């Protein structure tokens, strides 16, 4: 019986999500990725409640066995305290919605762990490399979204980051994560 993994890339402006299935033979199958834009109207509590309702619907529709979420970056040099507080609030709200569904903790992965776990060579992939990298791992054409001028939408990167979270989690679950080489003494 296959297992379903749901991955989230969370911000207060765009939340990317991805669904992957792990088949009985431990192969990983892409199901879908998408994003939504949390409302900017209302008080912060109204925005969080509205976003939580959408997250709960995504989780309930996906029916995942596992949920992975990109964890917070502890140091954001170009962000204001207000931005960090809002981002933290949205991230942890998604975590609590996942906890309620799973009846246990979702997995949190920091961005560097994900990039190291998915890299295919010696160099660490950059954010802009992620759509093609996850597509290569999954054997798919990445479903970029384009604006009316034919330019790739920024939201495509949020979707790619969500795919990366789900994929890294699936790699962990199937024993495909890269092991760090131990230093010889």
N, C-alpha and C. Protein backbone atom coordinates (compact mmCIF):
# COMPACT_ATOMS: atom_id res chain seq x y z
N UNK A 1 0.84 -1.18 0.00
CA UNK A 1 0.00 0.00 0.00
C UNK A 1 0.89 1.25 0.00
N UNK A 2 0.64 2.17 -0.91
CA UNK A 2 1.47 3.37 -1.01
C UNK A 2 1.24 4.30 0.18
N UNK A 3 2.24 5.12 0.42
CA UNK A 3 2.17 6.12 1.48
C UNK A 3 2.23 7.49 0.84
N UNK A 4 1.51 8.44 1.40
CA UNK A 4 1.44 9.79 0.83
C UNK A 4 2.20 10.77 1.70
N UNK A 5 2.98 11.63 1.04
CA UNK A 5 3.76 12.68 1.70
C UNK A 5 3.27 14.02 1.21
N UNK A 6 3.01 14.93 2.14
CA UNK A 6 2.61 16.30 1.83
C UNK A 6 3.70 17.22 2.33
N UNK A 7 4.20 18.09 1.45
CA UNK A 7 5.24 19.03 1.83
C UNK A 7 4.76 20.46 1.70
N UNK A 8 5.17 21.31 2.63
CA UNK A 8 4.79 22.73 2.62
C UNK A 8 6.03 23.62 2.64
N UNK A 9 5.97 24.70 1.85
CA UNK A 9 6.90 25.81 1.92
C UNK A 9 6.05 27.00 2.34
N UNK A 10 6.28 27.53 3.53
CA UNK A 10 5.36 28.50 4.13
C UNK A 10 5.94 29.90 4.20
N UNK A 11 5.16 30.87 3.73
CA UNK A 11 5.42 32.27 4.02
C UNK A 11 4.07 32.94 4.21
N UNK A 12 4.09 34.20 4.57
CA UNK A 12 2.81 34.90 4.77
C UNK A 12 2.25 35.44 3.46
N UNK A 13 3.02 35.33 2.37
CA UNK A 13 2.55 35.83 1.08
C UNK A 13 2.18 34.70 0.12
N UNK A 14 2.91 33.58 0.18
CA UNK A 14 2.64 32.44 -0.69
C UNK A 14 2.96 31.16 0.06
N UNK A 15 2.06 30.21 -0.01
CA UNK A 15 2.31 28.90 0.59
C UNK A 15 2.27 27.87 -0.54
N UNK A 16 3.43 27.26 -0.77
CA UNK A 16 3.52 26.19 -1.76
C UNK A 16 3.28 24.86 -1.07
N UNK A 17 2.68 23.92 -1.82
CA UNK A 17 2.51 22.58 -1.26
C UNK A 17 2.67 21.54 -2.36
N UNK A 18 3.02 20.34 -1.96
CA UNK A 18 3.27 19.26 -2.90
C UNK A 18 2.81 17.94 -2.30
N UNK A 19 2.27 17.09 -3.16
CA UNK A 19 1.87 15.74 -2.76
C UNK A 19 2.68 14.74 -3.58
N UNK A 20 3.33 13.81 -2.87
CA UNK A 20 4.06 12.72 -3.50
C UNK A 20 3.55 11.40 -2.91
N UNK A 21 3.59 10.36 -3.70
CA UNK A 21 3.27 9.02 -3.21
C UNK A 21 4.52 8.17 -3.22
N UNK A 22 4.72 7.41 -2.15
CA UNK A 22 5.78 6.42 -2.09
C UNK A 22 5.12 5.08 -2.36
N UNK A 23 5.52 4.46 -3.47
CA UNK A 23 4.92 3.19 -3.87
C UNK A 23 5.53 2.04 -3.06
N UNK A 24 4.92 0.87 -3.18
CA UNK A 24 5.38 -0.30 -2.43
C UNK A 24 6.84 -0.66 -2.71
N UNK A 25 7.32 -0.35 -3.92
CA UNK A 25 8.71 -0.65 -4.28
C UNK A 25 9.67 0.48 -3.90
N UNK A 26 9.17 1.44 -3.10
CA UNK A 26 9.92 2.62 -2.64
C UNK A 26 10.20 3.63 -3.73
N UNK A 27 9.56 3.49 -4.90
CA UNK A 27 9.67 4.54 -5.91
C UNK A 27 8.79 5.70 -5.46
N UNK A 28 9.15 6.88 -5.92
CA UNK A 28 8.44 8.10 -5.50
C UNK A 28 7.73 8.68 -6.71
N UNK A 29 6.43 8.89 -6.57
CA UNK A 29 5.61 9.36 -7.68
C UNK A 29 5.07 10.75 -7.37
N UNK A 30 5.26 11.66 -8.34
CA UNK A 30 4.72 13.02 -8.22
C UNK A 30 3.21 12.96 -8.43
N UNK A 31 2.46 13.57 -7.53
CA UNK A 31 1.00 13.64 -7.66
C UNK A 31 0.61 15.05 -8.10
N UNK A 32 1.01 16.06 -7.33
CA UNK A 32 0.70 17.44 -7.71
C UNK A 32 1.47 18.42 -6.84
N UNK A 33 1.59 19.63 -7.35
CA UNK A 33 2.07 20.74 -6.52
C UNK A 33 1.25 21.96 -6.91
N UNK A 34 1.14 22.86 -5.97
CA UNK A 34 0.35 24.06 -6.20
C UNK A 34 0.76 25.08 -5.14
N UNK A 35 0.05 26.18 -5.12
CA UNK A 35 0.30 27.21 -4.12
C UNK A 35 -1.00 27.98 -3.90
N UNK A 36 -1.04 28.71 -2.80
CA UNK A 36 -2.12 29.67 -2.61
C UNK A 36 -1.56 30.90 -1.92
N UNK A 37 -2.28 31.99 -2.06
CA UNK A 37 -1.87 33.27 -1.51
C UNK A 37 -2.76 33.58 -0.30
N UNK A 38 -2.18 33.57 0.91
CA UNK A 38 -2.97 33.97 2.08
C UNK A 38 -3.49 35.39 1.91
N UNK A 39 -4.66 35.62 2.42
CA UNK A 39 -5.26 36.95 2.32
C UNK A 39 -4.40 37.99 3.05
N UNK A 40 -4.40 39.18 2.53
CA UNK A 40 -3.71 40.29 3.19
C UNK A 40 -4.71 41.22 3.88
N UNK A 41 -6.00 40.86 3.78
CA UNK A 41 -7.05 41.70 4.37
C UNK A 41 -7.35 41.24 5.79
N UNK A 42 -7.69 42.19 6.63
CA UNK A 42 -8.07 41.88 8.00
C UNK A 42 -6.90 41.97 8.96
N UNK A 43 -7.20 41.68 10.21
CA UNK A 43 -6.18 41.69 11.25
C UNK A 43 -5.28 40.47 11.07
N UNK A 44 -4.17 40.45 11.76
CA UNK A 44 -3.28 39.30 11.66
C UNK A 44 -3.99 38.02 12.10
N UNK A 45 -4.83 38.12 13.13
CA UNK A 45 -5.57 36.93 13.57
C UNK A 45 -6.56 36.46 12.52
N UNK A 46 -7.25 37.40 11.87
CA UNK A 46 -8.18 37.02 10.79
C UNK A 46 -7.42 36.35 9.64
N UNK A 47 -6.25 36.88 9.31
CA UNK A 47 -5.44 36.30 8.23
C UNK A 47 -4.98 34.89 8.58
N UNK A 48 -4.56 34.70 9.82
CA UNK A 48 -4.09 33.38 10.25
C UNK A 48 -5.24 32.38 10.27
N UNK A 49 -6.37 32.78 10.78
CA UNK A 49 -7.54 31.88 10.83
C UNK A 49 -7.97 31.50 9.41
N UNK A 50 -8.02 32.47 8.52
CA UNK A 50 -8.39 32.20 7.13
C UNK A 50 -7.40 31.24 6.48
N UNK A 51 -6.12 31.47 6.70
CA UNK A 51 -5.08 30.62 6.12
C UNK A 51 -5.14 29.22 6.73
N UNK A 52 -5.38 29.14 8.02
CA UNK A 52 -5.48 27.83 8.68
C UNK A 52 -6.61 27.00 8.07
N UNK A 53 -7.73 27.64 7.79
CA UNK A 53 -8.85 26.92 7.17
C UNK A 53 -8.44 26.35 5.81
N UNK A 54 -7.68 27.12 5.04
CA UNK A 54 -7.22 26.63 3.73
C UNK A 54 -6.23 25.49 3.90
N UNK A 55 -5.32 25.60 4.86
CA UNK A 55 -4.34 24.55 5.12
C UNK A 55 -5.06 23.26 5.53
N UNK A 56 -6.03 23.37 6.40
CA UNK A 56 -6.79 22.19 6.85
C UNK A 56 -7.48 21.53 5.66
N UNK A 57 -8.03 22.32 4.75
CA UNK A 57 -8.68 21.76 3.56
C UNK A 57 -7.66 21.03 2.68
N UNK A 58 -6.49 21.64 2.48
CA UNK A 58 -5.44 21.00 1.68
C UNK A 58 -5.04 19.66 2.31
N UNK A 59 -4.82 19.67 3.62
CA UNK A 59 -4.43 18.45 4.32
C UNK A 59 -5.53 17.39 4.22
N UNK A 60 -6.76 17.77 4.50
CA UNK A 60 -7.86 16.81 4.45
C UNK A 60 -8.09 16.25 3.05
N UNK A 61 -7.92 17.09 2.02
CA UNK A 61 -8.07 16.63 0.64
C UNK A 61 -6.93 15.68 0.25
N UNK A 62 -5.72 15.96 0.71
CA UNK A 62 -4.55 15.14 0.35
C UNK A 62 -4.53 13.81 1.09
N UNK A 63 -5.03 13.81 2.31
CA UNK A 63 -5.01 12.62 3.16
C UNK A 63 -3.59 12.02 3.28
N UNK A 64 -2.62 12.84 3.72
CA UNK A 64 -1.25 12.34 3.80
C UNK A 64 -1.01 11.42 4.99
N UNK A 65 -0.02 10.56 4.82
CA UNK A 65 0.46 9.74 5.93
C UNK A 65 1.56 10.48 6.67
N UNK A 66 2.26 11.36 5.95
CA UNK A 66 3.38 12.12 6.49
C UNK A 66 3.29 13.56 5.99
N UNK A 67 3.72 14.50 6.84
CA UNK A 67 3.76 15.91 6.45
C UNK A 67 5.13 16.47 6.80
N UNK A 68 5.74 17.13 5.82
CA UNK A 68 7.01 17.81 6.03
C UNK A 68 6.84 19.29 5.78
N UNK A 69 7.53 20.10 6.55
CA UNK A 69 7.42 21.55 6.45
C UNK A 69 8.83 22.14 6.48
N UNK A 70 9.09 23.09 5.56
CA UNK A 70 10.38 23.77 5.61
C UNK A 70 10.42 24.61 6.88
N UNK A 71 11.43 24.39 7.68
CA UNK A 71 11.55 25.08 8.96
C UNK A 71 12.00 26.51 8.76
N UNK A 72 11.88 27.26 9.80
CA UNK A 72 12.26 28.66 9.80
C UNK A 72 13.77 28.82 9.68
N UNK A 73 14.17 29.87 9.03
CA UNK A 73 15.57 30.27 9.02
C UNK A 73 15.75 31.16 10.24
N UNK A 74 16.68 30.81 11.09
CA UNK A 74 16.83 31.53 12.35
C UNK A 74 17.40 32.94 12.19
N UNK A 75 18.12 33.18 11.12
CA UNK A 75 18.73 34.49 10.92
C UNK A 75 18.41 34.97 9.50
N UNK A 76 17.64 36.04 9.41
CA UNK A 76 17.28 36.61 8.11
C UNK A 76 17.75 38.06 8.08
N UNK A 77 18.94 38.30 7.54
CA UNK A 77 19.57 39.61 7.64
C UNK A 77 18.80 40.77 7.00
N UNK A 78 18.02 40.52 5.98
CA UNK A 78 17.32 41.62 5.30
C UNK A 78 15.87 41.77 5.73
N UNK A 79 15.45 41.04 6.77
CA UNK A 79 14.06 41.07 7.21
C UNK A 79 13.91 41.89 8.48
N UNK A 80 12.77 42.54 8.58
CA UNK A 80 12.45 43.30 9.80
C UNK A 80 11.92 42.35 10.85
N UNK A 81 11.90 42.80 12.09
CA UNK A 81 11.35 42.00 13.18
C UNK A 81 9.89 41.65 12.90
N UNK A 82 9.14 42.59 12.35
CA UNK A 82 7.73 42.34 12.04
C UNK A 82 7.60 41.21 11.02
N UNK A 83 8.43 41.23 9.99
CA UNK A 83 8.40 40.18 8.97
C UNK A 83 8.72 38.82 9.58
N UNK A 84 9.73 38.77 10.43
CA UNK A 84 10.13 37.51 11.07
C UNK A 84 9.01 36.99 11.96
N UNK A 85 8.37 37.86 12.72
CA UNK A 85 7.28 37.45 13.62
C UNK A 85 6.11 36.90 12.80
N UNK A 86 5.74 37.57 11.74
CA UNK A 86 4.61 37.12 10.91
C UNK A 86 4.95 35.79 10.24
N UNK A 87 6.15 35.68 9.68
CA UNK A 87 6.57 34.42 9.04
C UNK A 87 6.55 33.28 10.05
N UNK A 88 7.07 33.52 11.24
CA UNK A 88 7.08 32.50 12.29
C UNK A 88 5.67 32.09 12.66
N UNK A 89 4.78 33.05 12.79
CA UNK A 89 3.40 32.77 13.15
C UNK A 89 2.73 31.90 12.10
N UNK A 90 2.90 32.22 10.82
CA UNK A 90 2.28 31.43 9.75
C UNK A 90 2.89 30.03 9.71
N UNK A 91 4.21 29.94 9.84
CA UNK A 91 4.87 28.64 9.79
C UNK A 91 4.37 27.74 10.92
N UNK A 92 4.34 28.27 12.12
CA UNK A 92 3.94 27.44 13.26
C UNK A 92 2.44 27.13 13.22
N UNK A 93 1.64 28.00 12.62
CA UNK A 93 0.22 27.69 12.46
C UNK A 93 0.06 26.49 11.54
N UNK A 94 0.83 26.42 10.45
CA UNK A 94 0.78 25.26 9.55
C UNK A 94 1.23 24.02 10.32
N UNK A 95 2.25 24.16 11.15
CA UNK A 95 2.71 23.03 11.97
C UNK A 95 1.60 22.52 12.89
N UNK A 96 0.85 23.42 13.51
CA UNK A 96 -0.21 22.97 14.42
C UNK A 96 -1.37 22.33 13.66
N UNK A 97 -1.68 22.83 12.47
CA UNK A 97 -2.72 22.19 11.65
C UNK A 97 -2.28 20.78 11.26
N UNK A 98 -1.00 20.64 10.90
CA UNK A 98 -0.46 19.31 10.56
C UNK A 98 -0.50 18.40 11.79
N UNK A 99 -0.13 18.94 12.94
CA UNK A 99 -0.15 18.16 14.18
C UNK A 99 -1.56 17.65 14.48
N UNK A 100 -2.54 18.53 14.34
CA UNK A 100 -3.93 18.13 14.59
C UNK A 100 -4.36 16.98 13.69
N UNK A 101 -3.96 17.03 12.42
CA UNK A 101 -4.33 15.98 11.47
C UNK A 101 -3.58 14.67 11.78
N UNK A 102 -2.27 14.77 11.97
CA UNK A 102 -1.44 13.58 12.16
C UNK A 102 -1.59 12.97 13.56
N UNK A 103 -2.07 13.77 14.51
CA UNK A 103 -2.07 13.38 15.92
C UNK A 103 -0.63 13.14 16.38
N UNK A 104 0.26 13.93 15.79
CA UNK A 104 1.68 13.86 16.10
C UNK A 104 2.40 14.95 15.34
N UNK A 105 3.69 15.06 15.58
CA UNK A 105 4.45 16.15 14.99
C UNK A 105 4.75 15.95 13.51
N UNK A 106 4.63 17.02 12.72
CA UNK A 106 5.13 16.95 11.35
C UNK A 106 6.66 17.03 11.40
N UNK A 107 7.30 16.66 10.31
CA UNK A 107 8.75 16.78 10.23
C UNK A 107 9.11 18.19 9.76
N UNK A 108 10.09 18.79 10.41
CA UNK A 108 10.59 20.11 10.02
C UNK A 108 12.00 19.93 9.47
N UNK A 109 12.25 20.53 8.30
CA UNK A 109 13.55 20.40 7.65
C UNK A 109 14.08 21.79 7.32
N UNK A 110 15.32 22.05 7.69
CA UNK A 110 15.86 23.35 7.30
C UNK A 110 16.32 23.30 5.84
N UNK A 111 16.34 24.45 5.23
CA UNK A 111 16.59 24.56 3.79
C UNK A 111 17.95 23.98 3.40
N UNK A 112 18.95 24.14 4.22
CA UNK A 112 20.28 23.63 3.88
C UNK A 112 20.31 22.10 3.92
N UNK A 113 19.62 21.51 4.86
CA UNK A 113 19.53 20.05 4.93
C UNK A 113 18.85 19.52 3.67
N UNK A 114 17.78 20.18 3.25
CA UNK A 114 17.06 19.77 2.05
C UNK A 114 17.97 19.86 0.83
N UNK A 115 18.62 20.99 0.66
CA UNK A 115 19.49 21.18 -0.51
C UNK A 115 20.64 20.18 -0.53
N UNK A 116 21.24 19.93 0.63
CA UNK A 116 22.32 18.94 0.68
C UNK A 116 21.78 17.55 0.35
N UNK A 117 20.58 17.25 0.83
CA UNK A 117 19.99 15.93 0.61
C UNK A 117 19.55 15.68 -0.82
N UNK A 118 19.30 16.75 -1.57
CA UNK A 118 18.82 16.60 -2.94
C UNK A 118 19.88 16.87 -4.00
N UNK A 119 21.02 17.43 -3.61
CA UNK A 119 22.02 17.78 -4.61
C UNK A 119 22.50 16.53 -5.34
N UNK A 120 22.87 16.71 -6.60
CA UNK A 120 23.32 15.59 -7.41
C UNK A 120 24.82 15.63 -7.68
N UNK A 121 25.45 16.73 -7.34
CA UNK A 121 26.89 16.87 -7.53
C UNK A 121 27.51 17.44 -6.27
N UNK A 122 28.70 17.99 -6.43
CA UNK A 122 29.42 18.56 -5.29
C UNK A 122 28.86 19.91 -4.87
N UNK A 123 28.33 20.68 -5.84
CA UNK A 123 27.85 22.02 -5.55
C UNK A 123 26.45 22.01 -4.95
N UNK A 124 26.24 22.91 -4.01
CA UNK A 124 24.94 23.05 -3.39
C UNK A 124 24.01 23.79 -4.35
N UNK A 125 22.82 23.25 -4.62
CA UNK A 125 21.92 23.94 -5.54
C UNK A 125 21.40 25.25 -4.94
N UNK A 126 21.17 26.23 -5.80
CA UNK A 126 20.60 27.51 -5.38
C UNK A 126 19.08 27.42 -5.48
N UNK A 127 18.40 28.41 -4.90
CA UNK A 127 16.93 28.43 -4.93
C UNK A 127 16.41 28.34 -6.36
N UNK A 128 17.04 29.06 -7.28
CA UNK A 128 16.56 29.07 -8.67
C UNK A 128 16.81 27.75 -9.40
N UNK A 129 17.66 26.88 -8.81
CA UNK A 129 17.95 25.57 -9.41
C UNK A 129 16.91 24.51 -9.01
N UNK A 130 16.14 24.79 -7.98
CA UNK A 130 15.29 23.76 -7.40
C UNK A 130 14.22 23.20 -8.35
N UNK A 131 13.54 24.03 -9.16
CA UNK A 131 12.53 23.43 -10.04
C UNK A 131 13.09 22.33 -10.93
N UNK A 132 14.21 22.59 -11.56
CA UNK A 132 14.79 21.58 -12.46
C UNK A 132 15.39 20.41 -11.69
N UNK A 133 15.93 20.68 -10.51
CA UNK A 133 16.51 19.61 -9.71
C UNK A 133 15.43 18.62 -9.24
N UNK A 134 14.33 19.14 -8.69
CA UNK A 134 13.28 18.22 -8.23
C UNK A 134 12.63 17.49 -9.41
N UNK A 135 12.51 18.19 -10.54
CA UNK A 135 11.95 17.55 -11.74
C UNK A 135 12.83 16.39 -12.19
N UNK A 136 14.14 16.59 -12.13
CA UNK A 136 15.09 15.54 -12.52
C UNK A 136 14.95 14.33 -11.60
N UNK A 137 14.89 14.58 -10.30
CA UNK A 137 14.73 13.48 -9.34
C UNK A 137 13.44 12.70 -9.58
N UNK A 138 12.38 13.41 -9.94
CA UNK A 138 11.07 12.77 -10.08
C UNK A 138 10.78 12.28 -11.51
N UNK A 139 11.64 12.66 -12.45
CA UNK A 139 11.42 12.26 -13.84
C UNK A 139 10.20 12.93 -14.46
N UNK A 140 10.02 14.20 -14.13
CA UNK A 140 8.87 14.96 -14.63
C UNK A 140 9.35 16.25 -15.29
N UNK A 141 8.46 16.90 -15.99
CA UNK A 141 8.69 18.27 -16.44
C UNK A 141 8.08 19.16 -15.37
N UNK A 142 8.86 20.08 -14.84
CA UNK A 142 8.33 20.90 -13.75
C UNK A 142 7.16 21.75 -14.26
N UNK A 143 6.05 21.81 -13.50
CA UNK A 143 4.86 22.56 -13.92
C UNK A 143 4.95 24.06 -13.63
N UNK A 144 5.87 24.73 -14.32
CA UNK A 144 6.03 26.17 -14.13
C UNK A 144 4.71 26.89 -14.39
N UNK A 145 4.53 27.98 -13.69
CA UNK A 145 3.42 28.89 -13.95
C UNK A 145 4.02 30.15 -14.57
N UNK A 146 3.33 30.71 -15.55
CA UNK A 146 3.83 31.89 -16.27
C UNK A 146 2.83 33.03 -16.16
N UNK A 147 3.36 34.27 -16.17
CA UNK A 147 2.47 35.42 -16.18
C UNK A 147 2.02 35.69 -17.62
N UNK A 148 1.22 36.71 -17.81
CA UNK A 148 0.67 36.99 -19.15
C UNK A 148 1.74 37.38 -20.17
N UNK A 149 2.94 37.75 -19.67
CA UNK A 149 4.05 38.11 -20.56
C UNK A 149 4.98 36.92 -20.84
N UNK A 150 4.60 35.74 -20.34
CA UNK A 150 5.41 34.56 -20.58
C UNK A 150 6.60 34.40 -19.65
N UNK A 151 6.64 35.18 -18.58
CA UNK A 151 7.73 35.11 -17.61
C UNK A 151 7.32 34.15 -16.48
N UNK A 152 8.27 33.33 -16.03
CA UNK A 152 7.98 32.40 -14.94
C UNK A 152 7.58 33.18 -13.69
N UNK A 153 6.44 32.78 -13.10
CA UNK A 153 5.98 33.42 -11.87
C UNK A 153 6.86 33.02 -10.69
N UNK A 154 7.05 33.94 -9.78
CA UNK A 154 7.82 33.68 -8.56
C UNK A 154 7.20 32.52 -7.78
N UNK A 155 5.91 32.34 -7.87
CA UNK A 155 5.22 31.26 -7.15
C UNK A 155 5.70 29.88 -7.60
N UNK A 156 6.25 29.79 -8.82
CA UNK A 156 6.82 28.51 -9.27
C UNK A 156 7.95 28.07 -8.35
N UNK A 157 8.72 29.02 -7.86
CA UNK A 157 9.82 28.69 -6.93
C UNK A 157 9.27 28.22 -5.58
N UNK A 158 8.15 28.79 -5.16
CA UNK A 158 7.52 28.34 -3.92
C UNK A 158 7.00 26.91 -4.08
N UNK A 159 6.44 26.61 -5.23
CA UNK A 159 6.00 25.24 -5.50
C UNK A 159 7.20 24.30 -5.50
N UNK A 160 8.29 24.72 -6.15
CA UNK A 160 9.50 23.88 -6.22
C UNK A 160 10.06 23.63 -4.82
N UNK A 161 10.03 24.64 -3.97
CA UNK A 161 10.51 24.46 -2.60
C UNK A 161 9.62 23.46 -1.84
N UNK A 162 8.32 23.51 -2.08
CA UNK A 162 7.41 22.54 -1.45
C UNK A 162 7.69 21.13 -1.96
N UNK A 163 7.96 21.01 -3.27
CA UNK A 163 8.32 19.70 -3.83
C UNK A 163 9.61 19.21 -3.17
N UNK A 164 10.57 20.11 -2.99
CA UNK A 164 11.84 19.74 -2.37
C UNK A 164 11.63 19.23 -0.95
N UNK A 165 10.76 19.88 -0.19
CA UNK A 165 10.46 19.43 1.18
C UNK A 165 9.86 18.02 1.14
N UNK A 166 8.84 17.83 0.32
CA UNK A 166 8.19 16.52 0.23
C UNK A 166 9.17 15.45 -0.27
N UNK A 167 9.98 15.81 -1.25
CA UNK A 167 10.93 14.86 -1.82
C UNK A 167 12.00 14.46 -0.80
N UNK A 168 12.52 15.45 -0.10
CA UNK A 168 13.52 15.13 0.93
C UNK A 168 12.91 14.22 1.99
N UNK A 169 11.68 14.52 2.40
CA UNK A 169 11.00 13.68 3.39
C UNK A 169 10.81 12.26 2.84
N UNK A 170 10.41 12.15 1.58
CA UNK A 170 10.25 10.83 0.95
C UNK A 170 11.59 10.11 0.87
N UNK A 171 12.66 10.84 0.56
CA UNK A 171 14.00 10.23 0.55
C UNK A 171 14.35 9.67 1.92
N UNK A 172 14.03 10.43 2.96
CA UNK A 172 14.29 9.96 4.33
C UNK A 172 13.51 8.68 4.61
N UNK A 173 12.24 8.69 4.25
CA UNK A 173 11.37 7.55 4.54
C UNK A 173 11.77 6.29 3.78
N UNK A 174 12.40 6.46 2.63
CA UNK A 174 12.78 5.31 1.80
C UNK A 174 14.28 4.98 1.91
N UNK A 175 14.98 5.67 2.79
CA UNK A 175 16.40 5.39 2.98
C UNK A 175 17.29 5.91 1.87
N UNK A 176 16.80 6.91 1.13
CA UNK A 176 17.57 7.44 -0.01
C UNK A 176 18.32 8.73 0.31
N UNK A 177 18.32 9.14 1.57
CA UNK A 177 19.06 10.37 1.89
C UNK A 177 20.54 10.07 1.86
N UNK A 178 21.28 11.07 1.48
CA UNK A 178 22.73 10.93 1.41
C UNK A 178 23.29 10.94 2.83
N UNK A 179 24.12 9.99 3.11
CA UNK A 179 24.77 9.92 4.44
C UNK A 179 26.04 10.76 4.38
N UNK A 180 26.26 11.55 5.42
CA UNK A 180 27.50 12.32 5.50
C UNK A 180 28.65 11.36 5.75
N UNK A 181 29.73 11.59 5.06
CA UNK A 181 30.92 10.76 5.24
C UNK A 181 31.56 11.11 6.58
N UNK A 182 31.85 10.06 7.33
CA UNK A 182 32.50 10.32 8.62
C UNK A 182 33.98 10.62 8.39
N UNK A 183 34.49 11.48 9.23
CA UNK A 183 35.91 11.85 9.13
C UNK A 183 36.73 10.73 9.78
N UNK A 184 37.78 10.33 9.08
CA UNK A 184 38.67 9.31 9.63
C UNK A 184 39.58 9.93 10.67
N UNK A 185 39.78 9.22 11.75
CA UNK A 185 40.62 9.74 12.83
C UNK A 185 42.02 9.26 12.67
